[in-house]
N, C-alpha and C. Protein backbone atom coordinates (compact mmCIF):
# COMPACT_ATOMS: atom_id res chain seq x y z
N MET A 1 8.30 -8.38 10.96
CA MET A 1 7.30 -7.67 9.98
C MET A 1 6.35 -8.55 9.41
N GLN A 2 6.59 -10.00 9.26
CA GLN A 2 5.66 -10.76 8.64
C GLN A 2 4.29 -10.73 9.45
N ALA A 3 4.61 -10.76 10.90
CA ALA A 3 3.27 -10.85 11.82
C ALA A 3 2.42 -9.68 11.43
N LYS A 4 3.08 -8.43 11.38
CA LYS A 4 2.37 -7.34 10.99
C LYS A 4 1.50 -7.38 9.83
N ILE A 5 2.08 -7.92 8.84
CA ILE A 5 1.56 -8.00 7.43
C ILE A 5 0.30 -9.24 7.68
N ARG A 6 0.39 -10.25 8.25
CA ARG A 6 -0.56 -11.27 8.52
C ARG A 6 -1.64 -10.72 9.38
N ASP A 7 -1.31 -9.76 10.31
CA ASP A 7 -2.52 -9.22 11.13
C ASP A 7 -3.16 -8.14 10.25
N ALA A 8 -2.47 -7.42 9.60
CA ALA A 8 -3.27 -6.42 8.70
C ALA A 8 -4.21 -7.11 7.66
N GLN A 9 -3.61 -8.41 7.26
CA GLN A 9 -4.44 -9.19 6.11
C GLN A 9 -5.72 -9.91 6.94
N LEU A 10 -5.60 -10.21 8.14
CA LEU A 10 -6.59 -10.81 8.90
C LEU A 10 -7.68 -9.78 9.41
N GLN A 11 -7.20 -8.57 9.65
CA GLN A 11 -8.18 -7.47 9.69
C GLN A 11 -8.80 -6.81 8.61
N LYS A 12 -8.32 -7.35 7.29
CA LYS A 12 -8.86 -6.92 6.06
C LYS A 12 -8.50 -5.32 5.81
N VAL A 13 -7.47 -4.94 5.99
CA VAL A 13 -6.85 -3.51 5.66
C VAL A 13 -6.70 -3.58 4.23
N PRO A 14 -7.19 -2.66 3.55
CA PRO A 14 -7.20 -2.57 2.13
C PRO A 14 -5.68 -2.48 1.58
N TYR A 15 -4.99 -1.77 2.04
CA TYR A 15 -3.69 -1.25 1.81
C TYR A 15 -2.73 -1.35 2.76
N MET A 16 -1.56 -2.03 2.50
CA MET A 16 -0.60 -2.04 3.39
C MET A 16 0.77 -1.25 2.82
N LEU A 17 1.10 -0.34 3.62
CA LEU A 17 2.33 0.60 3.01
C LEU A 17 3.54 0.09 3.96
N ILE A 18 4.54 -0.13 3.24
CA ILE A 18 5.79 -0.59 3.87
C ILE A 18 6.78 0.56 3.45
N VAL A 19 7.42 1.32 4.54
CA VAL A 19 8.28 2.17 4.26
C VAL A 19 9.71 1.73 4.90
N GLY A 20 10.66 1.40 4.31
CA GLY A 20 12.07 1.12 4.73
C GLY A 20 13.20 2.06 4.35
N ASP A 21 14.29 1.63 4.78
CA ASP A 21 15.44 2.78 4.23
C ASP A 21 15.45 2.88 2.68
N ARG A 22 15.33 1.98 1.89
CA ARG A 22 15.01 2.06 0.42
C ARG A 22 14.16 2.99 -0.08
N GLU A 23 13.02 2.72 0.70
CA GLU A 23 11.83 3.62 0.18
C GLU A 23 12.02 5.07 0.50
N VAL A 24 12.63 5.15 1.77
CA VAL A 24 12.81 6.61 2.13
C VAL A 24 13.67 7.41 1.27
N GLN A 25 15.05 6.63 0.85
CA GLN A 25 16.01 7.26 -0.14
C GLN A 25 15.18 7.41 -1.45
N ALA A 26 14.35 6.66 -1.86
CA ALA A 26 13.72 6.75 -3.06
C ALA A 26 12.62 7.78 -3.24
N GLY A 27 11.92 8.03 -2.07
CA GLY A 27 10.83 8.89 -1.94
C GLY A 27 9.52 8.07 -2.34
N THR A 28 9.57 6.85 -1.87
CA THR A 28 8.27 6.10 -2.30
C THR A 28 7.94 5.23 -1.27
N VAL A 29 6.85 4.49 -1.29
CA VAL A 29 6.35 3.56 -0.42
C VAL A 29 5.93 2.25 -1.19
N ALA A 30 6.18 1.21 -0.44
CA ALA A 30 5.97 -0.13 -1.09
C ALA A 30 4.46 -0.51 -0.70
N VAL A 31 3.88 -0.93 -1.68
CA VAL A 31 2.40 -1.13 -1.40
C VAL A 31 1.89 -2.57 -1.79
N ARG A 32 1.02 -3.19 -0.79
CA ARG A 32 0.53 -4.51 -0.92
C ARG A 32 -0.78 -4.26 -0.98
N LEU A 33 -1.67 -4.99 -1.52
CA LEU A 33 -3.28 -4.97 -1.39
C LEU A 33 -3.51 -6.09 -0.28
N ARG A 34 -4.83 -6.03 0.03
CA ARG A 34 -5.48 -6.86 1.11
C ARG A 34 -5.37 -8.45 0.59
N THR A 35 -5.51 -8.44 -0.89
CA THR A 35 -5.54 -9.80 -1.65
C THR A 35 -4.20 -10.29 -1.71
N GLY A 36 -3.27 -9.66 -1.35
CA GLY A 36 -1.84 -10.03 -1.42
C GLY A 36 -0.98 -9.77 -2.62
N GLU A 37 -1.71 -9.02 -3.66
CA GLU A 37 -1.11 -8.36 -4.72
C GLU A 37 0.00 -7.22 -4.26
N ASP A 38 1.35 -7.46 -4.70
CA ASP A 38 2.24 -6.52 -4.59
C ASP A 38 2.25 -5.59 -5.63
N LEU A 39 1.96 -4.35 -5.44
CA LEU A 39 2.08 -3.32 -6.24
C LEU A 39 3.75 -2.62 -6.35
N GLY A 40 4.39 -2.96 -5.56
CA GLY A 40 5.79 -2.56 -5.69
C GLY A 40 5.80 -1.13 -5.06
N PRO A 41 7.01 -0.56 -5.17
CA PRO A 41 7.13 0.69 -4.69
C PRO A 41 6.63 1.83 -5.84
N MET A 42 5.96 2.68 -5.17
CA MET A 42 5.42 3.99 -5.83
C MET A 42 5.44 4.95 -5.25
N PRO A 43 5.57 6.37 -5.88
CA PRO A 43 5.60 7.63 -5.17
C PRO A 43 4.19 7.63 -4.28
N LEU A 44 4.19 8.31 -3.11
CA LEU A 44 3.05 8.32 -2.32
C LEU A 44 1.89 9.15 -3.28
N GLU A 45 2.17 9.97 -3.95
CA GLU A 45 1.23 10.99 -4.66
C GLU A 45 0.59 9.96 -5.72
N ALA A 46 1.28 9.01 -6.31
CA ALA A 46 0.71 8.13 -7.24
C ALA A 46 -0.26 7.13 -6.50
N LEU A 47 -0.06 6.72 -5.15
CA LEU A 47 -0.76 6.03 -4.72
C LEU A 47 -2.05 6.80 -4.05
N VAL A 48 -2.00 7.94 -3.69
CA VAL A 48 -3.10 8.79 -3.23
C VAL A 48 -4.05 8.88 -4.39
N ARG A 49 -3.49 9.20 -5.82
CA ARG A 49 -4.31 9.28 -7.09
C ARG A 49 -5.09 7.83 -7.28
N ARG A 50 -4.36 6.85 -6.98
CA ARG A 50 -5.21 5.48 -7.08
C ARG A 50 -6.05 5.30 -6.24
N ILE A 51 -6.11 5.63 -5.01
CA ILE A 51 -7.22 5.52 -3.90
C ILE A 51 -8.21 6.33 -4.39
N LEU A 52 -7.89 7.66 -4.63
CA LEU A 52 -9.01 8.69 -4.90
C LEU A 52 -9.78 8.08 -6.19
N SER A 53 -9.20 7.60 -7.02
CA SER A 53 -9.78 7.07 -8.24
C SER A 53 -10.63 5.89 -8.00
N GLU A 54 -10.23 4.96 -7.00
CA GLU A 54 -11.12 3.72 -6.78
C GLU A 54 -12.28 4.38 -5.88
N VAL A 55 -12.05 5.24 -5.01
CA VAL A 55 -13.24 5.88 -4.29
C VAL A 55 -14.23 6.47 -5.15
N ALA A 56 -13.89 7.21 -6.31
CA ALA A 56 -14.57 7.90 -6.97
C ALA A 56 -15.53 6.90 -7.89
N GLU A 57 -14.96 5.69 -8.32
CA GLU A 57 -15.55 4.63 -9.14
C GLU A 57 -16.72 4.05 -8.19
N ARG A 58 -16.26 4.01 -6.97
CA ARG A 58 -17.44 3.42 -6.00
C ARG A 58 -18.68 4.31 -5.79
N ARG A 59 -18.64 5.44 -6.09
CA ARG A 59 -19.70 6.38 -5.71
C ARG A 59 -20.64 6.45 -7.01
């Protein structure tokens, strides 16, 4: 999995979502930013709201 994370960083993917067994059970996704910041697990709906907010700020 480290190789996939490194590849995503090199490709400048803005968000990396990691979904493992724990996240599936909790109904969350683990989120990392391109900068390496780990936002931790959050509900998918919260992530969507965050992304929509960031997009609205750029307009």
